[in-house]
C-alpha cells in the first residue's frame, strides 16, 4: 500500500511504523488512508 521510498518497520510486538519521507500533511494523510483501506479490504487467511 505504500510507495517504494517509504519504510515499514516493526515498532513493537503488534505495531508497525511507516516512515513516509518528503510529503506534506495532506499527502501523508492520503497515504495513511490508502494503507488503512488496503488492510480493511484484504482477505486474510491464517
ModelCIF file with pLDDT and N, C-alpha, C, O atoms, coordinates in Angstrom:
data_MODEL
#
_entry.id   MODEL 
#
_entity.id                         1 
_entity.type                       polymer 
_entity.pdbx_number_of_molecules   1 
#
_entity_poly.entity_id                      1 
_entity_poly.type                           'polypeptide(L)' 
_entity_poly.nstd_linkage                   no 
_entity_poly.nstd_monomer                   no 
_entity_poly.pdbx_seq_one_letter_code       
;(UNK)(UNK)(UNK)(UNK)(UNK)(UNK)(UNK)(UNK)(UNK)(UNK)(UNK)(UNK)(UNK)(UNK)(UNK)(UNK)
(UNK)(UNK)(UNK)(UNK)(UNK)(UNK)(UNK)(UNK)(UNK)(UNK)(UNK)(UNK)(UNK)(UNK)(UNK)(UNK)
(UNK)(UNK)(UNK)(UNK)(UNK)(UNK)(UNK)(UNK)(UNK)(UNK)(UNK)(UNK)(UNK)(UNK)
;
_entity_poly.pdbx_seq_one_letter_code_can   XXXXXXXXXXXXXXXXXXXXXXXXXXXXXXXXXXXXXXXXXXXXXX 
_entity_poly.pdbx_strand_id                 A 
#
loop_
_entity_poly_seq.entity_id 
_entity_poly_seq.num 
_entity_poly_seq.mon_id 
_entity_poly_seq.hetero 
1 1  UNK n 
1 2  UNK n 
1 3  UNK n 
1 4  UNK n 
1 5  UNK n 
1 6  UNK n 
1 7  UNK n 
1 8  UNK n 
1 9  UNK n 
1 10 UNK n 
1 11 UNK n 
1 12 UNK n 
1 13 UNK n 
1 14 UNK n 
1 15 UNK n 
1 16 UNK n 
1 17 UNK n 
1 18 UNK n 
1 19 UNK n 
1 20 UNK n 
1 21 UNK n 
1 22 UNK n 
1 23 UNK n 
1 24 UNK n 
1 25 UNK n 
1 26 UNK n 
1 27 UNK n 
1 28 UNK n 
1 29 UNK n 
1 30 UNK n 
1 31 UNK n 
1 32 UNK n 
1 33 UNK n 
1 34 UNK n 
1 35 UNK n 
1 36 UNK n 
1 37 UNK n 
1 38 UNK n 
1 39 UNK n 
1 40 UNK n 
1 41 UNK n 
1 42 UNK n 
1 43 UNK n 
1 44 UNK n 
1 45 UNK n 
1 46 UNK n 
#
_struct_asym.id          A 
_struct_asym.entity_id   1 
#
loop_
_ma_qa_metric.id 
_ma_qa_metric.mode 
_ma_qa_metric.name 
_ma_qa_metric.software_group_id 
_ma_qa_metric.type 
1 global pLDDT . pLDDT 
2 local  pLDDT . pLDDT 
#
_ma_qa_metric_global.metric_id      1 
_ma_qa_metric_global.metric_value   90.22 
_ma_qa_metric_global.model_id       1 
_ma_qa_metric_global.ordinal_id     1 
#
loop_
_ma_qa_metric_local.label_asym_id 
_ma_qa_metric_local.label_comp_id 
_ma_qa_metric_local.label_seq_id 
_ma_qa_metric_local.metric_id 
_ma_qa_metric_local.metric_value 
_ma_qa_metric_local.model_id 
_ma_qa_metric_local.ordinal_id 
A UNK 1  2 94.00 1 1  
A UNK 2  2 94.00 1 2  
A UNK 3  2 94.00 1 3  
A UNK 4  2 95.00 1 4  
A UNK 5  2 95.00 1 5  
A UNK 6  2 94.00 1 6  
A UNK 7  2 93.00 1 7  
A UNK 8  2 93.00 1 8  
A UNK 9  2 92.00 1 9  
A UNK 10 2 91.00 1 10 
A UNK 11 2 89.00 1 11 
A UNK 12 2 89.00 1 12 
A UNK 13 2 86.00 1 13 
A UNK 14 2 86.00 1 14 
A UNK 15 2 91.00 1 15 
A UNK 16 2 93.00 1 16 
A UNK 17 2 92.00 1 17 
A UNK 18 2 93.00 1 18 
A UNK 19 2 91.00 1 19 
A UNK 20 2 91.00 1 20 
A UNK 21 2 91.00 1 21 
A UNK 22 2 89.00 1 22 
A UNK 23 2 90.00 1 23 
A UNK 24 2 87.00 1 24 
A UNK 25 2 84.00 1 25 
A UNK 26 2 88.00 1 26 
A UNK 27 2 92.00 1 27 
A UNK 28 2 88.00 1 28 
A UNK 29 2 88.00 1 29 
A UNK 30 2 90.00 1 30 
A UNK 31 2 93.00 1 31 
A UNK 32 2 90.00 1 32 
A UNK 33 2 90.00 1 33 
A UNK 34 2 92.00 1 34 
A UNK 35 2 92.00 1 35 
A UNK 36 2 90.00 1 36 
A UNK 37 2 90.00 1 37 
A UNK 38 2 92.00 1 38 
A UNK 39 2 91.00 1 39 
A UNK 40 2 88.00 1 40 
A UNK 41 2 90.00 1 41 
A UNK 42 2 91.00 1 42 
A UNK 43 2 89.00 1 43 
A UNK 44 2 89.00 1 44 
A UNK 45 2 85.00 1 45 
A UNK 46 2 75.00 1 46 
#
loop_
_atom_site.group_PDB 
_atom_site.id 
_atom_site.type_symbol 
_atom_site.label_atom_id 
_atom_site.label_alt_id 
_atom_site.label_comp_id 
_atom_site.label_asym_id 
_atom_site.label_entity_id 
_atom_site.label_seq_id 
_atom_site.pdbx_PDB_ins_code 
_atom_site.Cartn_x 
_atom_site.Cartn_y 
_atom_site.Cartn_z 
_atom_site.occupancy 
_atom_site.B_iso_or_equiv 
_atom_site.pdbx_formal_charge 
_atom_site.auth_seq_id 
_atom_site.auth_comp_id 
_atom_site.auth_asym_id 
_atom_site.auth_atom_id 
_atom_site.pdbx_PDB_model_num 
ATOM 1   N N  . UNK A 1 1  ? 0.806   -1.221  0.000  1.00 94.00 ? 1  UNK A N  1 
ATOM 2   C CA . UNK A 1 1  ? 0.000   0.000   0.000  1.00 94.00 ? 1  UNK A CA 1 
ATOM 3   C C  . UNK A 1 1  ? 0.840   1.273   0.000  1.00 94.00 ? 1  UNK A C  1 
ATOM 4   O O  . UNK A 1 1  ? 0.302   2.364   -0.188 1.00 94.00 ? 1  UNK A O  1 
ATOM 5   N N  . UNK A 1 2  ? 2.142   1.150   0.206  1.00 94.00 ? 2  UNK A N  1 
ATOM 6   C CA . UNK A 1 2  ? 2.977   2.346   0.311  1.00 94.00 ? 2  UNK A CA 1 
ATOM 7   C C  . UNK A 1 2  ? 3.846   2.509   -0.928 1.00 94.00 ? 2  UNK A C  1 
ATOM 8   O O  . UNK A 1 2  ? 3.846   1.665   -1.824 1.00 94.00 ? 2  UNK A O  1 
ATOM 9   N N  . UNK A 1 3  ? 4.579   3.603   -0.958 1.00 94.00 ? 3  UNK A N  1 
ATOM 10  C CA . UNK A 1 3  ? 5.467   3.900   -2.083 1.00 94.00 ? 3  UNK A CA 1 
ATOM 11  C C  . UNK A 1 3  ? 6.811   3.205   -1.893 1.00 94.00 ? 3  UNK A C  1 
ATOM 12  O O  . UNK A 1 3  ? 7.140   2.766   -0.792 1.00 94.00 ? 3  UNK A O  1 
ATOM 13  N N  . UNK A 1 4  ? 7.576   3.107   -2.963 1.00 95.00 ? 4  UNK A N  1 
ATOM 14  C CA . UNK A 1 4  ? 8.896   2.462   -2.892 1.00 95.00 ? 4  UNK A CA 1 
ATOM 15  C C  . UNK A 1 4  ? 9.834   3.166   -1.921 1.00 95.00 ? 4  UNK A C  1 
ATOM 16  O O  . UNK A 1 4  ? 10.668  2.510   -1.297 1.00 95.00 ? 4  UNK A O  1 
ATOM 17  N N  . UNK A 1 5  ? 9.720   4.483   -1.778 1.00 95.00 ? 5  UNK A N  1 
ATOM 18  C CA . UNK A 1 5  ? 10.628  5.224   -0.916 1.00 95.00 ? 5  UNK A CA 1 
ATOM 19  C C  . UNK A 1 5  ? 10.231  5.215   0.563  1.00 95.00 ? 5  UNK A C  1 
ATOM 20  O O  . UNK A 1 5  ? 10.974  5.733   1.397  1.00 95.00 ? 5  UNK A O  1 
ATOM 21  N N  . UNK A 1 6  ? 9.083   4.641   0.899  1.00 94.00 ? 6  UNK A N  1 
ATOM 22  C CA . UNK A 1 6  ? 8.639   4.562   2.282  1.00 94.00 ? 6  UNK A CA 1 
ATOM 23  C C  . UNK A 1 6  ? 9.254   3.331   2.954  1.00 94.00 ? 6  UNK A C  1 
ATOM 24  O O  . UNK A 1 6  ? 9.672   2.388   2.283  1.00 94.00 ? 6  UNK A O  1 
ATOM 25  N N  . UNK A 1 7  ? 9.301   3.356   4.269  1.00 93.00 ? 7  UNK A N  1 
ATOM 26  C CA . UNK A 1 7  ? 9.939   2.286   5.034  1.00 93.00 ? 7  UNK A CA 1 
ATOM 27  C C  . UNK A 1 7  ? 8.981   1.757   6.091  1.00 93.00 ? 7  UNK A C  1 
ATOM 28  O O  . UNK A 1 7  ? 8.458   2.519   6.904  1.00 93.00 ? 7  UNK A O  1 
ATOM 29  N N  . UNK A 1 8  ? 8.755   0.454   6.076  1.00 93.00 ? 8  UNK A N  1 
ATOM 30  C CA . UNK A 1 8  ? 7.940   -0.205  7.090  1.00 93.00 ? 8  UNK A CA 1 
ATOM 31  C C  . UNK A 1 8  ? 8.876   -0.881  8.071  1.00 93.00 ? 8  UNK A C  1 
ATOM 32  O O  . UNK A 1 8  ? 9.810   -1.574  7.666  1.00 93.00 ? 8  UNK A O  1 
ATOM 33  N N  . UNK A 1 9  ? 8.629   -0.682  9.381  1.00 92.00 ? 9  UNK A N  1 
ATOM 34  C CA . UNK A 1 9  ? 9.439   -1.337  10.394 1.00 92.00 ? 9  UNK A CA 1 
ATOM 35  C C  . UNK A 1 9  ? 8.538   -1.859  11.510 1.00 92.00 ? 9  UNK A C  1 
ATOM 36  O O  . UNK A 1 9  ? 7.443   -1.346  11.739 1.00 92.00 ? 9  UNK A O  1 
ATOM 37  N N  . UNK A 1 10 ? 9.012   -2.862  12.179 1.00 91.00 ? 10 UNK A N  1 
ATOM 38  C CA . UNK A 1 10 ? 8.297   -3.411  13.326 1.00 91.00 ? 10 UNK A CA 1 
ATOM 39  C C  . UNK A 1 10 ? 8.656   -2.545  14.520 1.00 91.00 ? 10 UNK A C  1 
ATOM 40  O O  . UNK A 1 10 ? 9.821   -2.469  14.908 1.00 91.00 ? 10 UNK A O  1 
ATOM 41  N N  . UNK A 1 11 ? 7.659   -1.893  15.103 1.00 89.00 ? 11 UNK A N  1 
ATOM 42  C CA . UNK A 1 11 ? 7.892   -0.963  16.202 1.00 89.00 ? 11 UNK A CA 1 
ATOM 43  C C  . UNK A 1 11 ? 7.820   -1.678  17.549 1.00 89.00 ? 11 UNK A C  1 
ATOM 44  O O  . UNK A 1 11 ? 8.606   -1.397  18.454 1.00 89.00 ? 11 UNK A O  1 
ATOM 45  N N  . UNK A 1 12 ? 6.868   -2.607  17.673 1.00 89.00 ? 12 UNK A N  1 
ATOM 46  C CA . UNK A 1 12 ? 6.737   -3.430  18.879 1.00 89.00 ? 12 UNK A CA 1 
ATOM 47  C C  . UNK A 1 12 ? 6.111   -4.757  18.461 1.00 89.00 ? 12 UNK A C  1 
ATOM 48  O O  . UNK A 1 12 ? 5.960   -5.030  17.270 1.00 89.00 ? 12 UNK A O  1 
ATOM 49  N N  . UNK A 1 13 ? 5.752   -5.572  19.436 1.00 86.00 ? 13 UNK A N  1 
ATOM 50  C CA . UNK A 1 13 ? 5.237   -6.909  19.123 1.00 86.00 ? 13 UNK A CA 1 
ATOM 51  C C  . UNK A 1 13 ? 4.042   -6.888  18.175 1.00 86.00 ? 13 UNK A C  1 
ATOM 52  O O  . UNK A 1 13 ? 3.901   -7.770  17.327 1.00 86.00 ? 13 UNK A O  1 
ATOM 53  N N  . UNK A 1 14 ? 3.188   -5.887  18.320 1.00 86.00 ? 14 UNK A N  1 
ATOM 54  C CA . UNK A 1 14 ? 1.976   -5.847  17.487 1.00 86.00 ? 14 UNK A CA 1 
ATOM 55  C C  . UNK A 1 14 ? 1.782   -4.504  16.781 1.00 86.00 ? 14 UNK A C  1 
ATOM 56  O O  . UNK A 1 14 ? 0.664   -4.144  16.412 1.00 86.00 ? 14 UNK A O  1 
ATOM 57  N N  . UNK A 1 15 ? 2.875   -3.770  16.598 1.00 91.00 ? 15 UNK A N  1 
ATOM 58  C CA . UNK A 1 15 ? 2.788   -2.439  15.997 1.00 91.00 ? 15 UNK A CA 1 
ATOM 59  C C  . UNK A 1 15 ? 3.847   -2.267  14.915 1.00 91.00 ? 15 UNK A C  1 
ATOM 60  O O  . UNK A 1 15 ? 5.021   -2.585  15.105 1.00 91.00 ? 15 UNK A O  1 
ATOM 61  N N  . UNK A 1 16 ? 3.394   -1.754  13.774 1.00 93.00 ? 16 UNK A N  1 
ATOM 62  C CA . UNK A 1 16 ? 4.309   -1.391  12.702 1.00 93.00 ? 16 UNK A CA 1 
ATOM 63  C C  . UNK A 1 16 ? 4.409   0.123   12.637 1.00 93.00 ? 16 UNK A C  1 
ATOM 64  O O  . UNK A 1 16 ? 3.450   0.828   12.951 1.00 93.00 ? 16 UNK A O  1 
ATOM 65  N N  . UNK A 1 17 ? 5.548   0.612   12.235 1.00 92.00 ? 17 UNK A N  1 
ATOM 66  C CA . UNK A 1 17 ? 5.737   2.025   11.958 1.00 92.00 ? 17 UNK A CA 1 
ATOM 67  C C  . UNK A 1 17 ? 6.052   2.178   10.484 1.00 92.00 ? 17 UNK A C  1 
ATOM 68  O O  . UNK A 1 17 ? 6.723   1.330   9.897  1.00 92.00 ? 17 UNK A O  1 
ATOM 69  N N  . UNK A 1 18 ? 5.575   3.244   9.892  1.00 93.00 ? 18 UNK A N  1 
ATOM 70  C CA . UNK A 1 18 ? 5.871   3.524   8.488  1.00 93.00 ? 18 UNK A CA 1 
ATOM 71  C C  . UNK A 1 18 ? 6.443   4.932   8.413  1.00 93.00 ? 18 UNK A C  1 
ATOM 72  O O  . UNK A 1 18 ? 5.804   5.898   8.831  1.00 93.00 ? 18 UNK A O  1 
ATOM 73  N N  . UNK A 1 19 ? 7.634   5.037   7.886  1.00 91.00 ? 19 UNK A N  1 
ATOM 74  C CA . UNK A 1 19 ? 8.267   6.336   7.670  1.00 91.00 ? 19 UNK A CA 1 
ATOM 75  C C  . UNK A 1 19 ? 7.931   6.751   6.245  1.00 91.00 ? 19 UNK A C  1 
ATOM 76  O O  . UNK A 1 19 ? 8.206   6.021   5.293  1.00 91.00 ? 19 UNK A O  1 
ATOM 77  N N  . UNK A 1 20 ? 7.332   7.932   6.107  1.00 91.00 ? 20 UNK A N  1 
ATOM 78  C CA . UNK A 1 20 ? 6.880   8.431   4.806  1.00 91.00 ? 20 UNK A CA 1 
ATOM 79  C C  . UNK A 1 20 ? 7.589   9.758   4.547  1.00 91.00 ? 20 UNK A C  1 
ATOM 80  O O  . UNK A 1 20 ? 7.086   10.816  4.927  1.00 91.00 ? 20 UNK A O  1 
ATOM 81  N N  . UNK A 1 21 ? 8.748   9.707   3.907  1.00 91.00 ? 21 UNK A N  1 
ATOM 82  C CA . UNK A 1 21 ? 9.518   10.943  3.731  1.00 91.00 ? 21 UNK A CA 1 
ATOM 83  C C  . UNK A 1 21 ? 9.013   11.813  2.586  1.00 91.00 ? 21 UNK A C  1 
ATOM 84  O O  . UNK A 1 21 ? 8.429   11.330  1.617  1.00 91.00 ? 21 UNK A O  1 
ATOM 85  N N  . UNK A 1 22 ? 9.259   13.111  2.731  1.00 89.00 ? 22 UNK A N  1 
ATOM 86  C CA . UNK A 1 22 ? 9.050   14.046  1.629  1.00 89.00 ? 22 UNK A CA 1 
ATOM 87  C C  . UNK A 1 22 ? 7.614   14.307  1.239  1.00 89.00 ? 22 UNK A C  1 
ATOM 88  O O  . UNK A 1 22 ? 7.326   14.520  0.061  1.00 89.00 ? 22 UNK A O  1 
ATOM 89  N N  . UNK A 1 23 ? 6.691   14.297  2.212  1.00 90.00 ? 23 UNK A N  1 
ATOM 90  C CA . UNK A 1 23 ? 5.299   14.598  1.890  1.00 90.00 ? 23 UNK A CA 1 
ATOM 91  C C  . UNK A 1 23 ? 4.783   15.703  2.798  1.00 90.00 ? 23 UNK A C  1 
ATOM 92  O O  . UNK A 1 23 ? 5.269   15.888  3.914  1.00 90.00 ? 23 UNK A O  1 
ATOM 93  N N  . UNK A 1 24 ? 3.792   16.432  2.302  1.00 87.00 ? 24 UNK A N  1 
ATOM 94  C CA . UNK A 1 24 ? 3.124   17.405  3.152  1.00 87.00 ? 24 UNK A CA 1 
ATOM 95  C C  . UNK A 1 24 ? 2.014   16.699  3.931  1.00 87.00 ? 24 UNK A C  1 
ATOM 96  O O  . UNK A 1 24 ? 1.781   15.505  3.743  1.00 87.00 ? 24 UNK A O  1 
ATOM 97  N N  . UNK A 1 25 ? 1.333   17.442  4.806  1.00 84.00 ? 25 UNK A N  1 
ATOM 98  C CA . UNK A 1 25 ? 0.295   16.842  5.655  1.00 84.00 ? 25 UNK A CA 1 
ATOM 99  C C  . UNK A 1 25 ? -0.785  16.142  4.838  1.00 84.00 ? 25 UNK A C  1 
ATOM 100 O O  . UNK A 1 25 ? -1.178  15.022  5.164  1.00 84.00 ? 25 UNK A O  1 
ATOM 101 N N  . UNK A 1 26 ? -1.261  16.783  3.795  1.00 88.00 ? 26 UNK A N  1 
ATOM 102 C CA . UNK A 1 26 ? -2.363  16.223  3.006  1.00 88.00 ? 26 UNK A CA 1 
ATOM 103 C C  . UNK A 1 26 ? -1.954  14.932  2.306  1.00 88.00 ? 26 UNK A C  1 
ATOM 104 O O  . UNK A 1 26 ? -2.699  13.952  2.329  1.00 88.00 ? 26 UNK A O  1 
ATOM 105 N N  . UNK A 1 27 ? -0.784  14.922  1.689  1.00 92.00 ? 27 UNK A N  1 
ATOM 106 C CA . UNK A 1 27 ? -0.318  13.716  1.012  1.00 92.00 ? 27 UNK A CA 1 
ATOM 107 C C  . UNK A 1 27 ? -0.068  12.606  2.022  1.00 92.00 ? 27 UNK A C  1 
ATOM 108 O O  . UNK A 1 27 ? -0.371  11.445  1.746  1.00 92.00 ? 27 UNK A O  1 
ATOM 109 N N  . UNK A 1 28 ? 0.476   12.937  3.178  1.00 88.00 ? 28 UNK A N  1 
ATOM 110 C CA . UNK A 1 28 ? 0.685   11.943  4.231  1.00 88.00 ? 28 UNK A CA 1 
ATOM 111 C C  . UNK A 1 28 ? -0.616  11.309  4.663  1.00 88.00 ? 28 UNK A C  1 
ATOM 112 O O  . UNK A 1 28 ? -0.694  10.090  4.819  1.00 88.00 ? 28 UNK A O  1 
ATOM 113 N N  . UNK A 1 29 ? -1.641  12.126  4.859  1.00 88.00 ? 29 UNK A N  1 
ATOM 114 C CA . UNK A 1 29 ? -2.960  11.587  5.234  1.00 88.00 ? 29 UNK A CA 1 
ATOM 115 C C  . UNK A 1 29 ? -3.494  10.657  4.160  1.00 88.00 ? 29 UNK A C  1 
ATOM 116 O O  . UNK A 1 29 ? -4.035  9.594   4.463  1.00 88.00 ? 29 UNK A O  1 
ATOM 117 N N  . UNK A 1 30 ? -3.341  11.060  2.895  1.00 90.00 ? 30 UNK A N  1 
ATOM 118 C CA . UNK A 1 30 ? -3.832  10.207  1.804  1.00 90.00 ? 30 UNK A CA 1 
ATOM 119 C C  . UNK A 1 30 ? -3.118  8.863   1.775  1.00 90.00 ? 30 UNK A C  1 
ATOM 120 O O  . UNK A 1 30 ? -3.743  7.827   1.550  1.00 90.00 ? 30 UNK A O  1 
ATOM 121 N N  . UNK A 1 31 ? -1.818  8.881   2.002  1.00 93.00 ? 31 UNK A N  1 
ATOM 122 C CA . UNK A 1 31 ? -1.065  7.624   2.018  1.00 93.00 ? 31 UNK A CA 1 
ATOM 123 C C  . UNK A 1 31 ? -1.494  6.730   3.185  1.00 93.00 ? 31 UNK A C  1 
ATOM 124 O O  . UNK A 1 31 ? -1.653  5.520   3.020  1.00 93.00 ? 31 UNK A O  1 
ATOM 125 N N  . UNK A 1 32 ? -1.679  7.330   4.355  1.00 90.00 ? 32 UNK A N  1 
ATOM 126 C CA . UNK A 1 32 ? -2.113  6.547   5.510  1.00 90.00 ? 32 UNK A CA 1 
ATOM 127 C C  . UNK A 1 32 ? -3.524  5.995   5.281  1.00 90.00 ? 32 UNK A C  1 
ATOM 128 O O  . UNK A 1 32 ? -3.806  4.852   5.643  1.00 90.00 ? 32 UNK A O  1 
ATOM 129 N N  . UNK A 1 33 ? -4.404  6.790   4.688  1.00 90.00 ? 33 UNK A N  1 
ATOM 130 C CA . UNK A 1 33 ? -5.745  6.291   4.374  1.00 90.00 ? 33 UNK A CA 1 
ATOM 131 C C  . UNK A 1 33 ? -5.674  5.137   3.391  1.00 90.00 ? 33 UNK A C  1 
ATOM 132 O O  . UNK A 1 33 ? -6.455  4.191   3.491  1.00 90.00 ? 33 UNK A O  1 
ATOM 133 N N  . UNK A 1 34 ? -4.749  5.202   2.442  1.00 92.00 ? 34 UNK A N  1 
ATOM 134 C CA . UNK A 1 34 ? -4.588  4.101   1.482  1.00 92.00 ? 34 UNK A CA 1 
ATOM 135 C C  . UNK A 1 34 ? -4.149  2.825   2.204  1.00 92.00 ? 34 UNK A C  1 
ATOM 136 O O  . UNK A 1 34 ? -4.626  1.737   1.883  1.00 92.00 ? 34 UNK A O  1 
ATOM 137 N N  . UNK A 1 35 ? -3.253  2.953   3.166  1.00 92.00 ? 35 UNK A N  1 
ATOM 138 C CA . UNK A 1 35 ? -2.830  1.787   3.942  1.00 92.00 ? 35 UNK A CA 1 
ATOM 139 C C  . UNK A 1 35 ? -4.020  1.233   4.718  1.00 92.00 ? 35 UNK A C  1 
ATOM 140 O O  . UNK A 1 35 ? -4.258  0.025   4.718  1.00 92.00 ? 35 UNK A O  1 
ATOM 141 N N  . UNK A 1 36 ? -4.765  2.113   5.377  1.00 90.00 ? 36 UNK A N  1 
ATOM 142 C CA . UNK A 1 36 ? -5.927  1.661   6.149  1.00 90.00 ? 36 UNK A CA 1 
ATOM 143 C C  . UNK A 1 36 ? -6.923  0.934   5.258  1.00 90.00 ? 36 UNK A C  1 
ATOM 144 O O  . UNK A 1 36 ? -7.430  -0.123  5.632  1.00 90.00 ? 36 UNK A O  1 
ATOM 145 N N  . UNK A 1 37 ? -7.208  1.487   4.086  1.00 90.00 ? 37 UNK A N  1 
ATOM 146 C CA . UNK A 1 37 ? -8.162  0.857   3.183  1.00 90.00 ? 37 UNK A CA 1 
ATOM 147 C C  . UNK A 1 37 ? -7.644  -0.479  2.656  1.00 90.00 ? 37 UNK A C  1 
ATOM 148 O O  . UNK A 1 37 ? -8.420  -1.421  2.495  1.00 90.00 ? 37 UNK A O  1 
ATOM 149 N N  . UNK A 1 38 ? -6.352  -0.570  2.388  1.00 92.00 ? 38 UNK A N  1 
ATOM 150 C CA . UNK A 1 38 ? -5.777  -1.824  1.902  1.00 92.00 ? 38 UNK A CA 1 
ATOM 151 C C  . UNK A 1 38 ? -5.898  -2.911  2.958  1.00 92.00 ? 38 UNK A C  1 
ATOM 152 O O  . UNK A 1 38 ? -6.262  -4.042  2.637  1.00 92.00 ? 38 UNK A O  1 
ATOM 153 N N  . UNK A 1 39 ? -5.602  -2.593  4.202  1.00 91.00 ? 39 UNK A N  1 
ATOM 154 C CA . UNK A 1 39 ? -5.732  -3.572  5.288  1.00 91.00 ? 39 UNK A CA 1 
ATOM 155 C C  . UNK A 1 39 ? -7.198  -3.954  5.461  1.00 91.00 ? 39 UNK A C  1 
ATOM 156 O O  . UNK A 1 39 ? -7.519  -5.135  5.590  1.00 91.00 ? 39 UNK A O  1 
ATOM 157 N N  . UNK A 1 40 ? -8.076  -2.976  5.464  1.00 88.00 ? 40 UNK A N  1 
ATOM 158 C CA . UNK A 1 40 ? -9.510  -3.230  5.659  1.00 88.00 ? 40 UNK A CA 1 
ATOM 159 C C  . UNK A 1 40 ? -10.077 -4.139  4.570  1.00 88.00 ? 40 UNK A C  1 
ATOM 160 O O  . UNK A 1 40 ? -10.918 -4.993  4.851  1.00 88.00 ? 40 UNK A O  1 
ATOM 161 N N  . UNK A 1 41 ? -9.625  -3.962  3.340  1.00 90.00 ? 41 UNK A N  1 
ATOM 162 C CA . UNK A 1 41 ? -10.190 -4.698  2.214  1.00 90.00 ? 41 UNK A CA 1 
ATOM 163 C C  . UNK A 1 41 ? -9.501  -6.030  1.927  1.00 90.00 ? 41 UNK A C  1 
ATOM 164 O O  . UNK A 1 41 ? -9.988  -6.814  1.112  1.00 90.00 ? 41 UNK A O  1 
ATOM 165 N N  . UNK A 1 42 ? -8.379  -6.292  2.584  1.00 91.00 ? 42 UNK A N  1 
ATOM 166 C CA . UNK A 1 42 ? -7.637  -7.532  2.315  1.00 91.00 ? 42 UNK A CA 1 
ATOM 167 C C  . UNK A 1 42 ? -8.345  -8.725  2.956  1.00 91.00 ? 42 UNK A C  1 
ATOM 168 O O  . UNK A 1 42 ? -8.861  -8.622  4.069  1.00 91.00 ? 42 UNK A O  1 
ATOM 169 N N  . UNK A 1 43 ? -8.367  -9.834  2.261  1.00 89.00 ? 43 UNK A N  1 
ATOM 170 C CA . UNK A 1 43 ? -8.961  -11.073 2.780  1.00 89.00 ? 43 UNK A CA 1 
ATOM 171 C C  . UNK A 1 43 ? -7.849  -11.917 3.406  1.00 89.00 ? 43 UNK A C  1 
ATOM 172 O O  . UNK A 1 43 ? -7.147  -12.661 2.721  1.00 89.00 ? 43 UNK A O  1 
ATOM 173 N N  . UNK A 1 44 ? -7.712  -11.783 4.709  1.00 89.00 ? 44 UNK A N  1 
ATOM 174 C CA . UNK A 1 44 ? -6.677  -12.507 5.433  1.00 89.00 ? 44 UNK A CA 1 
ATOM 175 C C  . UNK A 1 44 ? -7.118  -13.940 5.689  1.00 89.00 ? 44 UNK A C  1 
ATOM 176 O O  . UNK A 1 44 ? -8.286  -14.203 5.974  1.00 89.00 ? 44 UNK A O  1 
ATOM 177 N N  . UNK A 1 45 ? -6.161  -14.866 5.584  1.00 85.00 ? 45 UNK A N  1 
ATOM 178 C CA . UNK A 1 45 ? -6.337  -16.259 5.960  1.00 85.00 ? 45 UNK A CA 1 
ATOM 179 C C  . UNK A 1 45 ? -5.071  -16.658 6.705  1.00 85.00 ? 45 UNK A C  1 
ATOM 180 O O  . UNK A 1 45 ? -3.967  -16.295 6.301  1.00 85.00 ? 45 UNK A O  1 
ATOM 181 N N  . UNK A 1 46 ? -5.231  -17.400 7.790  1.00 75.00 ? 46 UNK A N  1 
ATOM 182 C CA . UNK A 1 46 ? -4.056  -17.847 8.528  1.00 75.00 ? 46 UNK A CA 1 
ATOM 183 C C  . UNK A 1 46 ? -3.342  -18.971 7.779  1.00 75.00 ? 46 UNK A C  1 
ATOM 184 O O  . UNK A 1 46 ? -2.324  -19.478 8.250  1.00 75.00 ? 46 UNK A O  1 
#
